[in-house]
């Protein structure tokens, strides 16, 4: 009999929907986990193509019903027109006097993109306008070029075929209304004219993404609030990414042209290169010809003492080799690290200047297509000043944090996704568009499954892809079987502020078995089996603990990344979780956990 046949529950990350993590056994839904993360779209994952995938939302209502939520002035809207997608869902917008338009009131803020599909009719131009920030752009629908523009970060007109274009403008600020006008060359004063339009969208970010249809409410796509993340960061097969709550303290993680980032002796301009998300939303940093340090700064983080992780995605540009991250409190000290963006290596580990910090680790992770995620960690010890984080162009592989030199006006690199978070290791990317954003904790639970758990004897197996130690103040559960309380439970946890894991059995609030062990830095396959007075723990093919005096508790629930009864969480990528109602033999457990 195979172990799969013997198993009562098998969770191999594959099937998910918002709020649900499917188990492949049993196949009737009885073993499916309830999944929870939070109430925003802060979470991201690396998809099967190696690209960072975000949550997205169309903030407009009735996004293709232009006579409903949108209001008009000096215009008539006619539905049922031939669309860019072969449907009859397009609209003809005809103005009957000067300055004819349709608009929708909206309250949104931050870095945003407004887009609509359009085609010329009696008018060859369209004007998009955003009230509140005053952004406007004219687009020529006969030639596919951008005309007059003001108060925008970027504007694009992309040919869709058959005379259709997708017109978009990116801007930053507080939005109160969005407008669409039939137009003439850089003017809306003509008293007649018409254009075809379809599928309007307003979203956070620097670029228009795939259209999301809305009705009476906004709609979302991508990584939703409670969608389990099947992450491909470290494997061609997905793992279930489970992370603790983290906040990106950098307020503009992608819009480096923002005034939130102070530039000294360099320029930050939108790049033509695709970012690790596969979109055109990265920035070129180019040094000027001054003899000085070439720096971009942002104040982020509080004045208290904490461990911090600062990370940025970076790519070589124009042969520039070295890239530097820096973090200081502006009073007594700083730490910095340096990276080689050609060879993908760390050339200078975290280095301390003065006091106010303790050093941590430096790492560089390959994201493909020349992109690397560069990370520096360290702890702030001075309570009197807040953090300032810096991104710097460098000409040397090691040396001082200032690195003053004569720039050539052309060298630099491409950047994306800056993140500063409280914690001794980096977590997945959290995009921000004007304010700090918090991603809530991931956890999966299944209650009321006493019949899937061995009550007097049983076994459990969990495989985690990469071990991350827990920070101070956290005890994080990997896999736990429990009864909804702290009194009766069996499981494996991360120890608080430790590089160790711990197995335990508690029955009637009395500890029956407990054992701490050091995992490997990479894949860890852990199995435990239990019966009265017969307990074993096996790790990566070796028996590491036995106990002959344990009483087994009665349990009814299974939890991943949480105790289930208290809010404590680990940071893991789980490849498999399997429950058995029988006590497997030590030989079977060794075979199950051998790497």
Protein backbone atom coordinates (compact mmCIF):
# COMPACT_ATOMS: atom_id res chain seq x y z
CA UNK A 1 0.00 0.00 0.00
CA UNK A 2 1.39 3.41 -0.95
CA UNK A 3 1.75 6.25 1.55
CA UNK A 4 -0.65 8.34 -0.56
CA UNK A 5 -3.29 5.64 -0.14
CA UNK A 6 -2.70 5.59 3.62
CA UNK A 7 -2.90 9.39 3.96
CA UNK A 8 -6.14 10.94 5.20
CA UNK A 9 -5.26 14.47 3.99
CA UNK A 10 -2.78 15.58 1.32
CA UNK A 11 -2.15 19.25 0.56
CA UNK A 12 0.20 19.84 -2.37
CA UNK A 13 -0.04 23.50 -3.47
CA UNK A 14 -1.98 23.46 -6.73
CA UNK A 15 -5.62 24.49 -6.45
CA UNK A 16 -6.63 27.82 -4.92
CA UNK A 17 -9.34 30.45 -5.02
CA UNK A 18 -9.94 33.54 -2.91
CA UNK A 19 -10.25 32.31 0.68
CA UNK A 20 -9.66 28.65 -0.15
CA UNK A 21 -6.65 26.29 -0.32
CA UNK A 22 -7.60 22.96 -1.86
CA UNK A 23 -6.32 19.59 -0.70
CA UNK A 24 -5.94 16.90 -3.32
CA UNK A 25 -7.10 14.29 -0.78
CA UNK A 26 -9.85 13.91 0.22
CA UNK A 27 -11.26 15.05 -3.11
CA UNK A 28 -14.76 15.94 -1.86
CA UNK A 29 -13.75 19.27 -0.27
CA UNK A 30 -13.80 17.97 3.31
CA UNK A 31 -10.06 18.59 3.68
CA UNK A 32 -9.90 22.00 1.99
CA UNK A 33 -8.36 24.76 4.12
CA UNK A 34 -9.85 28.18 4.82
CA UNK A 35 -7.23 30.73 3.86
CA UNK A 36 -6.94 34.24 5.32
CA UNK A 37 -4.55 37.13 4.76
CA UNK A 38 -6.24 40.53 4.99
CA UNK A 39 -8.26 43.30 3.42
CA UNK A 40 -5.94 44.88 0.85
CA UNK A 41 -3.98 43.97 -2.29
CA UNK A 42 -0.53 44.31 -0.75
CA UNK A 43 0.62 40.73 -1.38
CA UNK A 44 2.64 39.64 -4.41
CA UNK A 45 4.09 36.38 -5.67
CA UNK A 46 6.52 35.16 -8.32
CA UNK A 47 4.42 33.43 -10.98
CA UNK A 48 5.23 30.45 -13.21
CA UNK A 49 6.93 32.79 -15.71
CA UNK A 50 9.27 34.17 -13.04
CA UNK A 51 7.45 37.53 -12.93
CA UNK A 52 6.21 39.40 -9.86
CA UNK A 53 2.40 39.32 -9.87
CA UNK A 54 0.40 41.88 -7.87
CA UNK A 55 -3.20 42.41 -6.93
CA UNK A 56 -4.98 44.90 -9.22
CA UNK A 57 -8.22 46.86 -8.98
CA UNK A 58 -10.25 48.96 -11.41
CA UNK A 59 -11.35 51.87 -9.24
CA UNK A 60 -14.00 53.07 -11.70
CA UNK A 61 -17.63 51.96 -11.51
CA UNK A 62 -19.60 50.83 -14.58
CA UNK A 63 -16.33 50.89 -16.48
CA UNK A 64 -18.00 50.21 -19.83
CA UNK A 65 -21.45 51.66 -19.18
CA UNK A 66 -20.88 55.27 -20.16
CA UNK A 67 -24.45 56.46 -19.60
CA UNK A 68 -24.79 55.24 -16.02
CA UNK A 69 -22.29 56.21 -13.31
CA UNK A 70 -20.52 58.63 -15.64
CA UNK A 71 -22.21 61.97 -16.22
CA UNK A 72 -22.05 64.05 -19.39
CA UNK A 73 -22.03 67.64 -20.57
CA UNK A 74 -22.75 68.69 -24.17
CA UNK A 75 -22.45 65.07 -25.32
CA UNK A 76 -24.57 62.09 -26.35
CA UNK A 77 -23.55 58.45 -25.71
CA UNK A 78 -24.66 55.65 -28.05
CA UNK A 79 -24.02 52.01 -27.15
CA UNK A 80 -23.85 48.92 -29.35
CA UNK A 81 -20.84 49.94 -31.46
CA UNK A 82 -18.21 47.57 -32.88
CA UNK A 83 -15.43 47.21 -30.30
CA UNK A 84 -11.71 46.60 -30.37
CA UNK A 85 -12.31 43.05 -29.14
CA UNK A 86 -14.80 42.03 -31.85
CA UNK A 87 -17.80 42.67 -29.58
CA UNK A 88 -20.58 45.24 -29.91
CA UNK A 89 -19.65 46.75 -26.54
CA UNK A 90 -18.09 50.01 -27.72
CA UNK A 91 -19.74 53.42 -27.41
CA UNK A 92 -19.96 56.44 -29.72
CA UNK A 93 -19.44 59.69 -27.79
CA UNK A 94 -20.80 62.64 -29.80
CA UNK A 95 -20.48 66.23 -28.60
CA UNK A 96 -23.13 68.77 -29.56
CA UNK A 97 -21.33 71.85 -28.31
CA UNK A 98 -17.86 72.99 -27.34
CA UNK A 99 -16.15 71.24 -24.42
CA UNK A 100 -18.40 68.19 -24.57
CA UNK A 101 -17.29 65.40 -22.24
CA UNK A 102 -18.24 62.49 -20.00
CA UNK A 103 -16.83 62.19 -16.48
CA UNK A 104 -16.94 60.06 -13.35
CA UNK A 105 -16.46 61.34 -9.82
CA UNK A 106 -13.82 59.35 -7.98
CA UNK A 107 -11.90 59.73 -4.74
CA UNK A 108 -8.47 58.13 -4.97
CA UNK A 109 -4.87 59.05 -4.27
CA UNK A 110 -1.30 58.04 -4.96
CA UNK A 111 0.45 57.03 -8.16
CA UNK A 112 -2.28 56.03 -10.63
CA UNK A 113 -2.95 55.29 -14.30
CA UNK A 114 -6.14 56.23 -16.18
CA UNK A 115 -6.76 54.41 -19.49
CA UNK A 116 -9.44 53.90 -22.13
CA UNK A 117 -9.65 52.20 -25.53
CA UNK A 118 -10.49 54.73 -28.28
CA UNK A 119 -10.96 55.03 -32.05
CA UNK A 120 -11.43 58.03 -34.30
CA UNK A 121 -14.85 58.85 -35.79
CA UNK A 122 -15.74 62.41 -36.82
CA UNK A 123 -12.99 63.55 -34.43
CA UNK A 124 -9.40 62.33 -34.73
CA UNK A 125 -8.37 63.22 -31.18
CA UNK A 126 -9.25 62.32 -27.59
CA UNK A 127 -8.39 64.22 -24.43
CA UNK A 128 -8.05 62.51 -21.03
CA UNK A 129 -8.18 64.78 -18.01
CA UNK A 130 -7.84 64.07 -14.28
CA UNK A 131 -9.29 66.66 -11.93
CA UNK A 132 -7.60 67.14 -8.59
CA UNK A 133 -4.09 66.77 -9.98
CA UNK A 134 -4.80 68.63 -13.24
CA UNK A 135 -3.30 65.96 -15.47
CA UNK A 136 -4.31 66.05 -19.13
CA UNK A 137 -3.11 64.55 -22.39
CA UNK A 138 -4.29 64.78 -26.02
CA UNK A 139 -3.95 61.69 -28.21
CA UNK A 140 -4.08 61.61 -32.03
CA UNK A 141 -6.28 58.64 -32.97
CA UNK A 142 -5.42 58.90 -36.67
CA UNK A 143 -1.63 58.68 -36.32
CA UNK A 144 -1.23 57.04 -32.89
CA UNK A 145 0.91 59.78 -31.34
CA UNK A 146 0.71 61.72 -28.09
CA UNK A 147 -0.07 65.44 -28.39
CA UNK A 148 -0.10 68.14 -25.74
CA UNK A 149 0.27 67.07 -22.11
CA UNK A 150 0.65 68.56 -18.66
CA UNK A 151 1.09 67.35 -15.06
CA UNK A 152 1.68 63.72 -15.98
CA UNK A 153 4.37 61.18 -15.15
CA UNK A 154 3.92 59.39 -18.43
CA UNK A 155 1.46 58.97 -21.33
CA UNK A 156 1.12 56.19 -23.88
CA UNK A 157 -0.94 55.35 -26.94
CA UNK A 158 -0.74 51.70 -27.99
CA UNK A 159 -2.21 50.38 -31.25
CA UNK A 160 -4.67 47.51 -30.78
CA UNK A 161 -5.55 47.12 -34.47
CA UNK A 162 -8.41 48.15 -36.74
CA UNK A 163 -7.91 51.80 -35.82
CA UNK A 164 -8.23 51.19 -32.07
CA UNK A 165 -5.72 52.47 -29.50
CA UNK A 166 -5.36 52.15 -25.76
CA UNK A 167 -4.64 55.63 -24.40
CA UNK A 168 -3.26 55.99 -20.86
CA UNK A 169 -1.85 58.63 -18.54
CA UNK A 170 0.10 58.06 -15.33
CA UNK A 171 0.04 60.70 -12.61
CA UNK A 172 0.36 61.10 -8.84
CA UNK A 173 -1.87 62.93 -6.40
CA UNK A 174 -5.46 63.14 -5.20
CA UNK A 175 -8.07 62.40 -7.84
CA UNK A 176 -11.63 63.79 -7.72
CA UNK A 177 -12.87 63.21 -11.31
CA UNK A 178 -11.74 61.63 -14.56
CA UNK A 179 -12.88 63.08 -17.93
CA UNK A 180 -13.03 61.83 -21.53
CA UNK A 181 -13.42 64.40 -24.35
CA UNK A 182 -13.79 64.06 -28.12
CA UNK A 183 -11.14 66.52 -29.29
CA UNK A 184 -9.36 68.19 -32.12
CA UNK A 185 -5.62 68.80 -32.27
CA UNK A 186 -4.82 69.89 -28.69
CA UNK A 187 -8.25 71.51 -28.41
CA UNK A 188 -11.79 70.73 -27.27
CA UNK A 189 -13.43 73.96 -28.47
CA UNK A 190 -15.12 72.60 -31.61
CA UNK A 191 -18.91 72.37 -31.34
CA UNK A 192 -19.24 68.96 -32.95
CA UNK A 193 -17.31 65.70 -33.31
CA UNK A 194 -17.34 62.11 -32.10
CA UNK A 195 -15.07 59.22 -31.08
CA UNK A 196 -15.55 55.57 -30.17
CA UNK A 197 -14.54 54.46 -26.67
CA UNK A 198 -14.59 51.24 -24.67
CA UNK A 199 -13.37 49.82 -21.33
CA UNK A 200 -12.13 52.63 -19.06
CA UNK A 201 -9.86 51.85 -16.12
CA UNK A 202 -8.32 53.72 -13.19
CA UNK A 203 -5.74 51.79 -11.18
CA UNK A 204 -2.78 52.23 -8.87
CA UNK A 205 0.65 52.10 -10.48
CA UNK A 206 2.65 53.56 -13.34
CA UNK A 207 1.23 51.54 -16.20
CA UNK A 208 -2.11 50.35 -17.59
CA UNK A 209 -2.58 46.63 -16.94
CA UNK A 210 -5.08 44.15 -18.38
CA UNK A 211 -8.60 45.53 -18.29
CA UNK A 212 -10.91 44.57 -15.40
CA UNK A 213 -14.67 44.96 -16.06
CA UNK A 214 -16.66 46.63 -13.26
CA UNK A 215 -20.33 47.16 -12.51
CA UNK A 216 -21.91 48.71 -9.44
CA UNK A 217 -18.73 47.97 -7.45
CA UNK A 218 -15.03 48.03 -8.20
CA UNK A 219 -13.47 44.73 -9.26
CA UNK A 220 -10.12 43.10 -8.62
CA UNK A 221 -7.77 40.66 -10.33
CA UNK A 222 -4.38 39.07 -9.74
CA UNK A 223 -3.40 38.35 -6.14
CA UNK A 224 -6.61 39.02 -4.21
CA UNK A 225 -6.91 39.77 -0.48
CA UNK A 226 -7.34 36.16 0.63
CA UNK A 227 -5.89 34.30 -2.35
CA UNK A 228 -3.26 31.71 -1.36
CA UNK A 229 0.02 32.49 -3.08
CA UNK A 230 1.48 29.68 -5.16
CA UNK A 231 5.00 31.02 -5.47
CA UNK A 232 7.66 29.91 -7.97
CA UNK A 233 10.61 31.87 -6.56
CA UNK A 234 12.81 28.87 -5.83
CA UNK A 235 11.40 26.09 -7.97
CA UNK A 236 9.70 25.14 -11.22
CA UNK A 237 6.89 23.80 -9.02
CA UNK A 238 4.92 26.13 -6.75
CA UNK A 239 5.14 26.29 -2.98
CA UNK A 240 2.57 27.81 -0.65
CA UNK A 241 4.02 31.14 0.47
CA UNK A 242 3.09 31.89 4.10
CA UNK A 243 4.52 35.09 5.58
CA UNK A 244 4.10 37.15 8.74
CA UNK A 245 2.66 40.64 8.61
CA UNK A 246 5.10 43.21 7.22
CA UNK A 247 4.93 46.88 6.16
CA UNK A 248 6.86 48.52 3.34
CA UNK A 249 7.92 51.79 4.95
CA UNK A 250 9.08 53.26 1.63
CA UNK A 251 6.17 55.43 0.46
CA UNK A 252 6.91 55.29 -3.29
CA UNK A 253 8.38 51.89 -4.12
CA UNK A 254 8.22 52.30 -7.93
CA UNK A 255 7.76 56.00 -8.74
CA UNK A 256 11.36 57.09 -8.19
CA UNK A 257 10.66 60.39 -9.93
CA UNK A 258 8.53 61.33 -6.93
CA UNK A 259 9.58 64.10 -4.55
CA UNK A 260 9.49 61.41 -1.85
CA UNK A 261 12.93 60.49 -3.21
CA UNK A 262 15.56 63.24 -2.90
CA UNK A 263 18.14 63.10 -5.73
CA UNK A 264 21.71 64.37 -5.54
CA UNK A 265 23.92 64.31 -8.63
CA UNK A 266 21.77 61.84 -10.57
CA UNK A 267 18.55 61.76 -12.57
CA UNK A 268 15.66 59.32 -12.26
CA UNK A 269 13.64 58.80 -15.46
CA UNK A 270 11.17 56.16 -16.58
CA UNK A 271 12.97 53.30 -18.25
CA UNK A 272 12.10 51.53 -21.48
CA UNK A 273 13.13 48.24 -19.86
CA UNK A 274 10.62 45.80 -18.40
CA UNK A 275 10.76 45.39 -14.65
CA UNK A 276 10.66 42.06 -12.75
CA UNK A 277 6.87 42.37 -13.05
CA UNK A 278 7.13 42.19 -16.86
CA UNK A 279 5.77 45.74 -17.23
CA UNK A 280 7.37 49.02 -18.32
CA UNK A 281 7.45 50.50 -14.82
CA UNK A 282 11.11 50.64 -13.80
CA UNK A 283 13.42 53.67 -13.59
CA UNK A 284 16.82 54.56 -15.00
CA UNK A 285 19.21 56.20 -12.54
CA UNK A 286 21.95 58.11 -14.40
CA UNK A 287 24.87 59.91 -12.74
CA UNK A 288 25.70 63.51 -13.66
CA UNK A 289 29.18 64.88 -14.38
CA UNK A 290 29.84 66.21 -10.87
CA UNK A 291 32.64 64.99 -8.63
CA UNK A 292 30.53 63.86 -5.69
CA UNK A 293 28.45 61.00 -4.39
CA UNK A 294 25.56 60.11 -6.73
CA UNK A 295 22.67 59.38 -4.39
CA UNK A 296 18.91 59.04 -4.06
CA UNK A 297 17.44 59.19 -0.51
CA UNK A 298 14.16 58.72 1.30
CA UNK A 299 13.39 59.09 4.99
CA UNK A 300 11.55 55.96 6.11
CA UNK A 301 11.11 54.07 9.34
CA UNK A 302 10.59 55.16 12.90
CA UNK A 303 12.86 56.56 15.57
CA UNK A 304 12.86 53.44 17.74
CA UNK A 305 15.33 50.59 17.73
CA UNK A 306 14.51 47.75 15.36
CA UNK A 307 16.02 45.29 12.93
CA UNK A 308 15.44 46.45 9.35
CA UNK A 309 15.71 44.89 5.90
CA UNK A 310 16.23 47.22 2.93
CA UNK A 311 15.87 45.70 -0.55
CA UNK A 312 15.79 47.00 -4.13
CA UNK A 313 15.57 45.26 -7.50
CA UNK A 314 18.42 46.47 -9.71
CA UNK A 315 19.79 45.81 -13.20
CA UNK A 316 23.01 46.83 -14.92
CA UNK A 317 22.77 49.76 -17.36
CA UNK A 318 25.48 51.21 -19.63
CA UNK A 319 28.14 48.96 -18.18
CA UNK A 320 27.81 50.29 -14.63
CA UNK A 321 28.88 47.50 -12.39
CA UNK A 322 28.47 48.45 -8.74
CA UNK A 323 25.34 49.34 -6.83
CA UNK A 324 25.15 50.43 -3.20
CA UNK A 325 22.48 50.38 -0.50
CA UNK A 326 22.84 52.61 2.55
CA UNK A 327 20.84 53.17 5.73
CA UNK A 328 21.54 55.76 8.41
CA UNK A 329 19.79 57.70 11.17
CA UNK A 330 21.25 61.08 10.26
CA UNK A 331 22.81 61.52 13.68
CA UNK A 332 25.50 59.08 14.64
CA UNK A 333 25.90 56.27 12.20
CA UNK A 334 25.03 54.23 9.14
CA UNK A 335 25.43 50.84 7.51
CA UNK A 336 25.97 50.10 3.83
CA UNK A 337 26.54 47.24 1.38
CA UNK A 338 27.73 46.98 -2.23
CA UNK A 339 26.72 44.68 -5.11
CA UNK A 340 28.13 43.69 -8.52
CA UNK A 341 25.26 43.88 -11.02
CA UNK A 342 27.23 42.23 -13.83
CA UNK A 343 28.32 39.12 -11.96
CA UNK A 344 25.41 39.07 -9.52
CA UNK A 345 27.57 38.99 -6.41
CA UNK A 346 27.95 40.81 -3.11
CA UNK A 347 31.24 42.72 -3.08
CA UNK A 348 30.90 44.33 0.35
CA UNK A 349 28.91 42.90 3.24
CA UNK A 350 27.11 45.16 5.68
CA UNK A 351 29.67 47.69 6.92
CA UNK A 352 29.22 49.97 9.94
CA UNK A 353 30.10 53.66 10.00
CA UNK A 354 30.11 55.29 13.44
CA UNK A 355 27.50 54.04 15.89
CA UNK A 356 23.73 53.75 16.03
CA UNK A 357 23.47 50.44 14.14
CA UNK A 358 24.63 46.87 14.34
CA UNK A 359 25.46 44.96 11.17
CA UNK A 360 23.40 42.18 9.64
CA UNK A 361 23.57 40.28 6.36
CA UNK A 362 23.86 41.18 2.67
CA UNK A 363 22.30 39.05 -0.07
CA UNK A 364 21.68 39.14 -3.81
CA UNK A 365 19.00 37.03 -5.52
CA UNK A 366 18.73 36.43 -9.27
CA UNK A 367 15.30 37.32 -10.71
CA UNK A 368 16.21 36.68 -14.35
CA UNK A 369 16.75 38.95 -17.36
CA UNK A 370 19.63 40.70 -15.60
CA UNK A 371 17.56 41.67 -12.55
CA UNK A 372 18.75 41.07 -9.00
CA UNK A 373 17.07 41.70 -5.67
CA UNK A 374 19.74 43.29 -3.49
CA UNK A 375 19.14 43.22 0.26
CA UNK A 376 20.89 44.63 3.30
CA UNK A 377 19.82 43.99 6.91
CA UNK A 378 20.89 45.60 10.14
CA UNK A 379 19.57 46.79 13.48
CA UNK A 380 19.10 50.40 14.49
CA UNK A 381 20.25 51.01 18.06
CA UNK A 382 19.96 54.79 18.30
CA UNK A 383 16.46 55.94 19.39
CA UNK A 384 16.92 59.65 18.62
CA UNK A 385 16.79 59.70 14.83
CA UNK A 386 14.69 58.13 12.07
CA UNK A 387 16.04 56.08 9.19
CA UNK A 388 17.16 57.45 5.88
CA UNK A 389 17.66 54.88 3.14
CA UNK A 390 19.80 55.56 0.08
CA UNK A 391 20.38 54.04 -3.34
CA UNK A 392 23.77 54.96 -4.75
CA UNK A 393 25.73 54.51 -7.95
CA UNK A 394 29.24 53.29 -7.23
CA UNK A 395 32.45 52.96 -9.20
CA UNK A 396 34.28 50.72 -6.75
CA UNK A 397 33.61 47.25 -5.37
CA UNK A 398 34.41 48.10 -1.75
CA UNK A 399 35.23 51.25 0.17
CA UNK A 400 33.60 54.17 1.96
CA UNK A 401 29.88 54.73 2.04
CA UNK A 402 30.11 58.15 0.34
CA UNK A 403 32.11 56.98 -2.72
CA UNK A 404 32.62 60.45 -4.23
CA UNK A 405 33.80 60.33 -7.86
CA UNK A 406 33.56 62.17 -11.19
CA UNK A 407 30.49 60.97 -13.06
CA UNK A 408 30.39 60.65 -16.84
CA UNK A 409 26.74 61.63 -17.36
CA UNK A 410 25.75 58.29 -18.92
CA UNK A 411 26.41 55.50 -16.41
CA UNK A 412 23.87 54.15 -13.97
CA UNK A 413 21.47 51.29 -13.48
CA UNK A 414 17.77 50.37 -13.61
CA UNK A 415 15.78 50.00 -10.40
CA UNK A 416 12.39 48.75 -9.28
CA UNK A 417 10.59 47.87 -6.07
CA UNK A 418 12.33 49.51 -3.11
CA UNK A 419 11.30 48.08 0.25
CA UNK A 420 12.20 48.87 3.86
CA UNK A 421 10.61 46.59 6.43
CA UNK A 422 11.04 45.92 10.12
CA UNK A 423 12.57 42.46 10.34
CA UNK A 424 15.88 40.65 10.15
CA UNK A 425 15.15 39.14 6.72
CA UNK A 426 13.30 40.41 3.61
CA UNK A 427 9.86 39.16 2.65
CA UNK A 428 8.07 39.27 -0.69
CA UNK A 429 7.68 42.61 -2.42
CA UNK A 430 4.96 44.98 -1.12
CA UNK A 431 4.19 47.74 -3.69
CA UNK A 432 3.49 51.27 -2.44
CA UNK A 433 2.09 54.24 -4.35
CA UNK A 434 2.28 57.20 -1.97
CA UNK A 435 1.94 55.81 1.54
CA UNK A 436 3.37 52.94 3.55
CA UNK A 437 1.46 49.68 2.97
CA UNK A 438 1.02 46.68 5.28
CA UNK A 439 0.59 43.12 4.08
CA UNK A 440 -1.24 41.01 6.66
CA UNK A 441 -0.22 37.53 7.74
CA UNK A 442 -1.04 34.41 5.68
CA UNK A 443 -2.55 31.41 7.39
CA UNK A 444 -4.62 28.35 6.55
CA UNK A 445 -6.84 26.41 8.92
CA UNK A 446 -9.19 23.46 8.79
CA UNK A 447 -11.51 22.80 11.72
CA UNK A 448 -14.00 20.04 12.46
CA UNK A 449 -11.89 17.28 10.96
CA UNK A 450 -11.50 14.85 13.85
CA UNK A 451 -12.12 11.99 11.44
CA UNK A 452 -9.09 12.98 9.33
CA UNK A 453 -6.72 13.05 12.33
CA UNK A 454 -5.54 9.99 14.19
CA UNK A 455 -6.78 10.38 17.74
CA UNK A 456 -4.82 7.65 19.54
CA UNK A 457 -2.15 7.33 16.87
CA UNK A 458 -1.19 9.20 13.72
CA UNK A 459 1.52 10.83 11.63
CA UNK A 460 2.13 14.15 9.90
CA UNK A 461 4.58 15.38 7.28
CA UNK A 462 5.48 18.89 6.15
CA UNK A 463 8.06 20.09 3.64
CA UNK A 464 9.27 23.69 3.73
CA UNK A 465 11.29 25.11 0.87
CA UNK A 466 13.54 27.50 2.76
CA UNK A 467 14.10 28.10 6.48
CA UNK A 468 13.79 31.65 7.84
CA UNK A 469 14.59 32.20 11.55
CA UNK A 470 11.93 33.92 13.62
CA UNK A 471 12.63 37.48 14.88
CA UNK A 472 12.37 38.60 18.50
CA UNK A 473 8.83 38.42 19.82
CA UNK A 474 7.52 35.72 17.48
CA UNK A 475 6.87 32.04 17.95
CA UNK A 476 5.65 30.80 14.61
CA UNK A 477 3.87 27.54 13.88
CA UNK A 478 4.60 25.54 10.71
CA UNK A 479 2.11 22.68 11.11
CA UNK A 480 -0.09 22.07 14.11
CA UNK A 481 -2.84 19.63 15.02
CA UNK A 482 -4.97 20.96 17.88
CA UNK A 483 -8.43 21.14 19.48
CA UNK A 484 -8.91 24.91 19.20
CA UNK A 485 -7.11 25.64 22.43
CA UNK A 486 -3.59 25.69 23.81
CA UNK A 487 -4.33 22.72 26.05
CA UNK A 488 -4.19 19.93 23.47
CA UNK A 489 -1.85 20.16 20.48
CA UNK A 490 0.87 18.47 18.48
CA UNK A 491 3.11 20.32 16.05
CA UNK A 492 6.32 21.93 14.83
CA UNK A 493 7.08 25.59 15.49
CA UNK A 494 9.77 28.19 14.92
CA UNK A 495 11.33 29.24 18.21
CA UNK A 496 11.31 32.91 19.21
CA UNK A 497 14.46 34.76 18.05
CA UNK A 498 16.13 31.50 17.16
CA UNK A 499 17.58 29.48 14.33
CA UNK A 500 15.89 26.36 15.70
CA UNK A 501 12.60 24.55 15.25
CA UNK A 502 10.74 22.75 18.02
CA UNK A 503 8.48 19.70 18.12
CA UNK A 504 6.01 19.36 20.97
CA UNK A 505 3.05 17.40 22.29
CA UNK A 506 0.79 18.97 24.93
CA UNK A 507 -2.11 17.04 26.48
CA UNK A 508 -4.41 18.62 29.04
CA UNK A 509 -2.01 21.60 29.30
CA UNK A 510 0.82 19.24 30.31
CA UNK A 511 3.90 18.96 28.07
CA UNK A 512 4.26 15.31 27.03
CA UNK A 513 7.17 15.65 24.59
CA UNK A 514 9.38 18.50 23.46
CA UNK A 515 12.49 18.66 21.29
CA UNK A 516 14.38 21.51 19.61
CA UNK A 517 16.54 21.01 16.54
CA UNK A 518 18.47 22.99 13.95
CA UNK A 519 17.02 22.84 10.41
CA UNK A 520 18.99 23.16 7.21
CA UNK A 521 19.03 26.53 5.42
CA UNK A 522 17.31 25.04 2.37
CA UNK A 523 14.67 22.33 2.01
CA UNK A 524 13.46 20.75 5.25
CA UNK A 525 11.33 17.60 5.28
CA UNK A 526 9.92 16.98 8.73
CA UNK A 527 7.72 14.11 9.87
CA UNK A 528 6.42 13.11 13.25
CA UNK A 529 4.49 10.03 14.32
CA UNK A 530 2.71 9.41 17.57
CA UNK A 531 0.97 6.78 19.63
CA UNK A 532 0.73 6.49 23.38
CA UNK A 533 4.27 6.07 24.68
CA UNK A 534 5.64 5.86 21.14
CA UNK A 535 6.69 9.17 19.52
CA UNK A 536 9.29 9.85 16.83
CA UNK A 537 10.50 12.89 14.87
CA UNK A 538 12.36 12.45 11.57
CA UNK A 539 14.17 15.29 9.76
CA UNK A 540 15.63 15.02 6.24
CA UNK A 541 15.90 11.24 6.39
CA UNK A 542 17.22 10.86 9.95
CA UNK A 543 15.50 9.98 13.22
CA UNK A 544 16.30 12.89 15.55
CA UNK A 545 14.00 12.27 18.52
CA UNK A 546 12.04 9.49 20.20
CA UNK A 547 9.85 9.44 23.30
CA UNK A 548 8.34 6.46 25.13
CA UNK A 549 6.24 8.23 27.77
CA UNK A 550 3.88 10.59 25.92
CA UNK A 551 0.10 10.66 26.25
CA UNK A 552 -1.65 11.74 23.04
CA UNK A 553 -4.30 14.51 23.03
CA UNK A 554 -7.68 14.45 21.28
CA UNK A 555 -7.61 16.94 18.38
CA UNK A 556 -10.00 18.26 15.76
CA UNK A 557 -8.27 20.95 13.66
CA UNK A 558 -5.21 21.51 11.45
CA UNK A 559 -3.35 24.81 11.06
CA UNK A 560 -0.59 26.04 8.74
CA UNK A 561 1.38 29.12 9.83
CA UNK A 562 -0.71 29.73 12.94
CA UNK A 563 -1.54 28.01 16.21
CA UNK A 564 -5.16 28.47 15.22
CA UNK A 565 -6.12 29.74 18.65
CA UNK A 566 -3.60 32.60 18.94
CA UNK A 567 -2.20 35.03 16.38
CA UNK A 568 1.40 33.85 15.99
CA UNK A 569 2.94 33.08 12.65
CA UNK A 570 6.01 31.76 10.86
CA UNK A 571 7.55 32.57 7.49
CA UNK A 572 7.62 29.55 5.23
CA UNK A 573 7.12 28.24 1.72
CA UNK A 574 5.33 24.92 2.16
CA UNK A 575 5.65 22.33 -0.59
CA UNK A 576 3.52 19.61 1.01
CA UNK A 577 1.50 18.87 4.13
CA UNK A 578 0.20 15.34 4.73
CA UNK A 579 -1.80 13.82 7.60
CA UNK A 580 -2.10 10.10 8.40
CA UNK A 581 -4.48 8.43 10.85
CA UNK A 582 -1.94 5.69 11.55
CA UNK A 583 1.47 5.69 13.19
CA UNK A 584 3.82 5.14 10.22
CA UNK A 585 6.90 3.05 10.80
CA UNK A 586 10.25 4.74 11.27
CA UNK A 587 11.36 3.23 7.97
CA UNK A 588 8.40 4.80 6.17
CA UNK A 589 9.09 8.17 7.81
CA UNK A 590 12.75 8.04 6.79
CA UNK A 591 11.76 7.30 3.18
CA UNK A 592 9.18 10.10 3.24
CA UNK A 593 11.69 12.70 4.47
CA UNK A 594 14.83 11.72 2.58
CA UNK A 595 15.95 14.51 0.25
